[in-house]
Amino acid sequence: MLVGDHLLPRITPHVGVYATGPENPLADFLASQAKVAALDVALVCPAHGAVFADHRHRAQQLIAHHEVRAREMWDVLQAGPATAYDVARKVFRWVFESAADRFQAGAAVMETIAHLELLRGRSAVRREDVQGVLEYRSVPGSVG
């Protein structure tokens, strides 16, 4: 199976929200990983890294990774409303500590938005426009 960047053996593909893309790309990505895991294939050929055989295990790892990351972000919102930038600074601390790497900081914010929109799609958070600034809030009684 040729998977491109969709199923990489060692790194997690970047999934972010962008103006020209879908509103909830992480939900699409996770659903697609589940579909890939259901396929019967002998060999996986990624765009980066060596070929590998256990695509089901890797797809489940990626799904689990994003579920853990979404929970981290939901946990941040338990302290109160925050912008995606504020959440990214807490969850991806190490990226923001290096002032030299603005590209990674931007990618971290776009990935944070993807996770927050996933949670919003699950009704675990809500998004509000507060004087032109989008803030995310956890929904009482929900679980991230």
C-alpha atoms as a PDB file:
ATOM      1  CA  MET A   1       0.000   0.000   0.000  1.00  0.00           C
ATOM      2  CA  LEU A   2       1.393   3.414  -0.965  1.00  0.00           C
ATOM      3  CA  VAL A   3       0.572   5.776   1.906  1.00  0.00           C
ATOM      4  CA  GLY A   4       2.590   8.924   1.206  1.00  0.00           C
ATOM      5  CA  ASP A   5       2.714  11.029   4.374  1.00  0.00           C
ATOM      6  CA  HIS A   6      -0.545   9.611   5.711  1.00  0.00           C
ATOM      7  CA  LEU A   7       1.016   6.728   7.633  1.00  0.00           C
ATOM      8  CA  LEU A   8       4.644   7.373   8.513  1.00  0.00           C
ATOM      9  CA  PRO A   9       6.659   4.794  10.460  1.00  0.00           C
ATOM     10  CA  ARG A  10       8.334   7.131  12.971  1.00  0.00           C
ATOM     11  CA  ILE A  11       6.794  10.581  12.962  1.00  0.00           C
ATOM     12  CA  THR A  12       3.270  11.879  13.192  1.00  0.00           C
ATOM     13  CA  PRO A  13       2.062  13.650  10.039  1.00  0.00           C
ATOM     14  CA  HIS A  14       1.183  17.298  10.600  1.00  0.00           C
ATOM     15  CA  VAL A  15      -2.570  17.894  10.666  1.00  0.00           C
ATOM     16  CA  GLY A  16      -3.524  21.534  11.019  1.00  0.00           C
ATOM     17  CA  VAL A  17      -6.450  23.803  10.246  1.00  0.00           C
ATOM     18  CA  TYR A  18      -5.884  26.156   7.327  1.00  0.00           C
ATOM     19  CA  ALA A  19      -8.138  28.611   5.499  1.00  0.00           C
ATOM     20  CA  THR A  20      -8.276  26.479   2.343  1.00  0.00           C
ATOM     21  CA  GLY A  21      -8.882  23.156   4.085  1.00  0.00           C
ATOM     22  CA  PRO A  22     -11.701  21.436   5.920  1.00  0.00           C
ATOM     23  CA  GLU A  23     -12.919  22.833   9.237  1.00  0.00           C
ATOM     24  CA  ASN A  24     -12.232  19.607  11.130  1.00  0.00           C
ATOM     25  CA  PRO A  25      -9.295  17.930   9.361  1.00  0.00           C
ATOM     26  CA  LEU A  26      -8.227  15.909  12.390  1.00  0.00           C
ATOM     27  CA  ALA A  27     -11.593  14.127  12.519  1.00  0.00           C
ATOM     28  CA  ASP A  28     -11.124  13.295   8.822  1.00  0.00           C
ATOM     29  CA  PHE A  29      -7.546  12.116   9.467  1.00  0.00           C
ATOM     30  CA  LEU A  30      -8.561   9.871  12.373  1.00  0.00           C
ATOM     31  CA  ALA A  31     -11.434   8.353  10.383  1.00  0.00           C
ATOM     32  CA  SER A  32      -9.054   7.719   7.507  1.00  0.00           C
ATOM     33  CA  GLN A  33      -6.537   6.039   9.827  1.00  0.00           C
ATOM     34  CA  ALA A  34      -9.299   3.711  11.003  1.00  0.00           C
ATOM     35  CA  LYS A  35     -10.116   2.872   7.367  1.00  0.00           C
ATOM     36  CA  VAL A  36      -6.440   2.179   6.607  1.00  0.00           C
ATOM     37  CA  ALA A  37      -6.208  -0.068   9.671  1.00  0.00           C
ATOM     38  CA  ALA A  38      -9.091  -2.167   8.355  1.00  0.00           C
ATOM     39  CA  LEU A  39      -7.304  -2.952   5.077  1.00  0.00           C
ATOM     40  CA  ASP A  40      -5.487  -6.228   4.481  1.00  0.00           C
ATOM     41  CA  VAL A  41      -2.051  -5.377   3.101  1.00  0.00           C
ATOM     42  CA  ALA A  42       1.348  -7.021   3.364  1.00  0.00           C
ATOM     43  CA  LEU A  43       3.625  -4.036   2.927  1.00  0.00           C
ATOM     44  CA  VAL A  44       3.339  -0.288   3.573  1.00  0.00           C
ATOM     45  CA  CYS A  45       5.373   2.146   1.472  1.00  0.00           C
ATOM     46  CA  PRO A  46       5.528   5.601   3.111  1.00  0.00           C
ATOM     47  CA  ALA A  47       6.862   8.781   1.517  1.00  0.00           C
ATOM     48  CA  HIS A  48       9.523   9.020   4.248  1.00  0.00           C
ATOM     49  CA  GLY A  49      11.292   6.203   6.046  1.00  0.00           C
ATOM     50  CA  ALA A  50      11.569   2.493   5.429  1.00  0.00           C
ATOM     51  CA  VAL A  51       8.771   0.240   4.247  1.00  0.00           C
ATOM     52  CA  PHE A  52       7.001  -1.605   7.052  1.00  0.00           C
ATOM     53  CA  ALA A  53       4.434  -4.320   7.538  1.00  0.00           C
ATOM     54  CA  ASP A  54       2.288  -3.633  10.599  1.00  0.00           C
ATOM     55  CA  HIS A  55       0.078  -0.807   9.327  1.00  0.00           C
ATOM     56  CA  ARG A  56      -2.695  -1.606  11.805  1.00  0.00           C
ATOM     57  CA  HIS A  57      -0.422  -1.088  14.778  1.00  0.00           C
ATOM     58  CA  ARG A  58       0.959   2.174  13.398  1.00  0.00           C
ATOM     59  CA  ALA A  59      -2.502   3.526  12.538  1.00  0.00           C
ATOM     60  CA  GLN A  60      -3.674   2.744  16.072  1.00  0.00           C
ATOM     61  CA  GLN A  61      -0.577   4.477  17.483  1.00  0.00           C
ATOM     62  CA  LEU A  62      -1.395   7.616  15.502  1.00  0.00           C
ATOM     63  CA  ILE A  63      -5.022   7.564  16.607  1.00  0.00           C
ATOM     64  CA  ALA A  64      -3.978   7.093  20.245  1.00  0.00           C
ATOM     65  CA  HIS A  65      -1.397   9.896  19.969  1.00  0.00           C
ATOM     66  CA  HIS A  66      -4.004  12.381  18.776  1.00  0.00           C
ATOM     67  CA  GLU A  67      -6.503  11.292  21.430  1.00  0.00           C
ATOM     68  CA  VAL A  68      -3.887  11.898  24.144  1.00  0.00           C
ATOM     69  CA  ARG A  69      -2.976  15.273  22.634  1.00  0.00           C
ATOM     70  CA  ALA A  70      -6.651  16.303  22.449  1.00  0.00           C
ATOM     71  CA  ARG A  71      -7.061  15.350  26.096  1.00  0.00           C
ATOM     72  CA  GLU A  72      -4.024  17.493  27.008  1.00  0.00           C
ATOM     73  CA  MET A  73      -5.630  20.461  25.293  1.00  0.00           C
ATOM     74  CA  TRP A  74      -8.985  19.837  26.928  1.00  0.00           C
ATOM     75  CA  ASP A  75      -7.184  19.685  30.281  1.00  0.00           C
ATOM     76  CA  VAL A  76      -5.634  23.108  29.606  1.00  0.00           C
ATOM     77  CA  LEU A  77      -9.123  24.522  29.040  1.00  0.00           C
ATOM     78  CA  GLN A  78     -10.244  23.216  32.432  1.00  0.00           C
ATOM     79  CA  ALA A  79      -8.340  26.172  33.933  1.00  0.00           C
ATOM     80  CA  GLY A  80     -10.454  28.599  31.906  1.00  0.00           C
ATOM     81  CA  PRO A  81     -11.039  29.962  28.411  1.00  0.00           C
ATOM     82  CA  ALA A  82      -8.007  30.304  26.163  1.00  0.00           C
ATOM     83  CA  THR A  83      -7.051  31.103  22.611  1.00  0.00           C
ATOM     84  CA  ALA A  84      -5.522  28.384  20.445  1.00  0.00           C
ATOM     85  CA  TYR A  85      -2.211  30.235  20.752  1.00  0.00           C
ATOM     86  CA  ASP A  86      -2.414  30.113  24.561  1.00  0.00           C
ATOM     87  CA  VAL A  87      -3.211  26.393  24.499  1.00  0.00           C
ATOM     88  CA  ALA A  88      -0.369  25.720  22.038  1.00  0.00           C
ATOM     89  CA  ARG A  89       2.107  27.567  24.282  1.00  0.00           C
ATOM     90  CA  LYS A  90       1.189  25.255  27.159  1.00  0.00           C
ATOM     91  CA  VAL A  91       1.000  21.967  25.266  1.00  0.00           C
ATOM     92  CA  PHE A  92       3.978  22.590  22.956  1.00  0.00           C
ATOM     93  CA  ARG A  93       6.104  24.456  25.523  1.00  0.00           C
ATOM     94  CA  TRP A  94       9.420  23.287  24.066  1.00  0.00           C
ATOM     95  CA  VAL A  95       8.575  24.756  20.648  1.00  0.00           C
ATOM     96  CA  PHE A  96       7.885  28.211  22.052  1.00  0.00           C
ATOM     97  CA  GLU A  97      10.986  28.225  24.249  1.00  0.00           C
ATOM     98  CA  SER A  98      13.122  28.402  21.093  1.00  0.00           C
ATOM     99  CA  ALA A  99      12.680  31.894  19.664  1.00  0.00           C
ATOM    100  CA  ALA A 100      14.589  30.839  16.540  1.00  0.00           C
ATOM    101  CA  ASP A 101      11.961  28.417  15.241  1.00  0.00           C
ATOM    102  CA  ARG A 102       8.886  30.450  14.289  1.00  0.00           C
ATOM    103  CA  PHE A 103       7.866  27.919  11.622  1.00  0.00           C
ATOM    104  CA  GLN A 104       7.433  25.191  14.248  1.00  0.00           C
ATOM    105  CA  ALA A 105       5.521  27.588  16.503  1.00  0.00           C
ATOM    106  CA  GLY A 106       3.101  28.342  13.668  1.00  0.00           C
ATOM    107  CA  ALA A 107       2.690  24.643  12.923  1.00  0.00           C
ATOM    108  CA  ALA A 108       2.024  23.998  16.624  1.00  0.00           C
ATOM    109  CA  VAL A 109      -0.767  26.596  16.634  1.00  0.00           C
ATOM    110  CA  MET A 110      -2.354  25.132  13.472  1.00  0.00           C
ATOM    111  CA  GLU A 111      -2.187  21.639  14.999  1.00  0.00           C
ATOM    112  CA  THR A 112      -3.682  22.970  18.229  1.00  0.00           C
ATOM    113  CA  ILE A 113      -6.589  24.434  16.294  1.00  0.00           C
ATOM    114  CA  ALA A 114      -7.112  21.039  14.639  1.00  0.00           C
ATOM    115  CA  HIS A 115      -7.322  19.353  18.043  1.00  0.00           C
ATOM    116  CA  LEU A 116      -9.607  22.027  19.458  1.00  0.00           C
ATOM    117  CA  GLU A 117     -11.906  21.741  16.439  1.00  0.00           C
ATOM    118  CA  LEU A 118     -11.955  17.963  16.902  1.00  0.00           C
ATOM    119  CA  LEU A 119     -13.067  18.527  20.492  1.00  0.00           C
ATOM    120  CA  ARG A 120     -15.606  21.105  19.347  1.00  0.00           C
ATOM    121  CA  GLY A 121     -17.008  18.580  16.872  1.00  0.00           C
ATOM    122  CA  ARG A 122     -17.398  16.175  19.794  1.00  0.00           C
ATOM    123  CA  SER A 123     -19.148  18.895  21.855  1.00  0.00           C
ATOM    124  CA  ALA A 124     -16.339  18.803  24.454  1.00  0.00           C
ATOM    125  CA  VAL A 125     -15.397  22.450  23.862  1.00  0.00           C
ATOM    126  CA  ARG A 126     -17.084  25.488  22.421  1.00  0.00           C
ATOM    127  CA  ARG A 127     -15.585  28.384  20.502  1.00  0.00           C
ATOM    128  CA  GLU A 128     -16.618  31.976  21.128  1.00  0.00           C
ATOM    129  CA  ASP A 129     -15.737  35.241  19.461  1.00  0.00           C
ATOM    130  CA  VAL A 130     -14.765  37.603  22.283  1.00  0.00           C
ATOM    131  CA  GLN A 131     -14.238  41.066  20.824  1.00  0.00           C
ATOM    132  CA  GLY A 132     -12.720  39.646  17.629  1.00  0.00           C
ATOM    133  CA  VAL A 133     -10.605  36.993  19.371  1.00  0.00           C
ATOM    134  CA  LEU A 134     -11.583  33.327  19.187  1.00  0.00           C
ATOM    135  CA  GLU A 135     -11.526  31.640  22.579  1.00  0.00           C
ATOM    136  CA  TYR A 136     -12.126  28.005  23.364  1.00  0.00           C
ATOM    137  CA  ARG A 137     -13.902  26.852  26.524  1.00  0.00           C
ATOM    138  CA  SER A 138     -14.443  23.370  27.870  1.00  0.00           C
ATOM    139  CA  VAL A 139     -18.053  22.279  28.068  1.00  0.00           C
ATOM    140  CA  PRO A 140     -19.100  21.433  31.643  1.00  0.00           C
ATOM    141  CA  GLY A 141     -19.778  17.738  32.060  1.00  0.00           C
ATOM    142  CA  SER A 142     -17.916  16.755  28.880  1.00  0.00           C
ATOM    143  CA  VAL A 143     -14.791  14.657  28.658  1.00  0.00           C
ATOM    144  CA  GLY A 144     -12.001  15.592  26.257  1.00  0.00           C
END
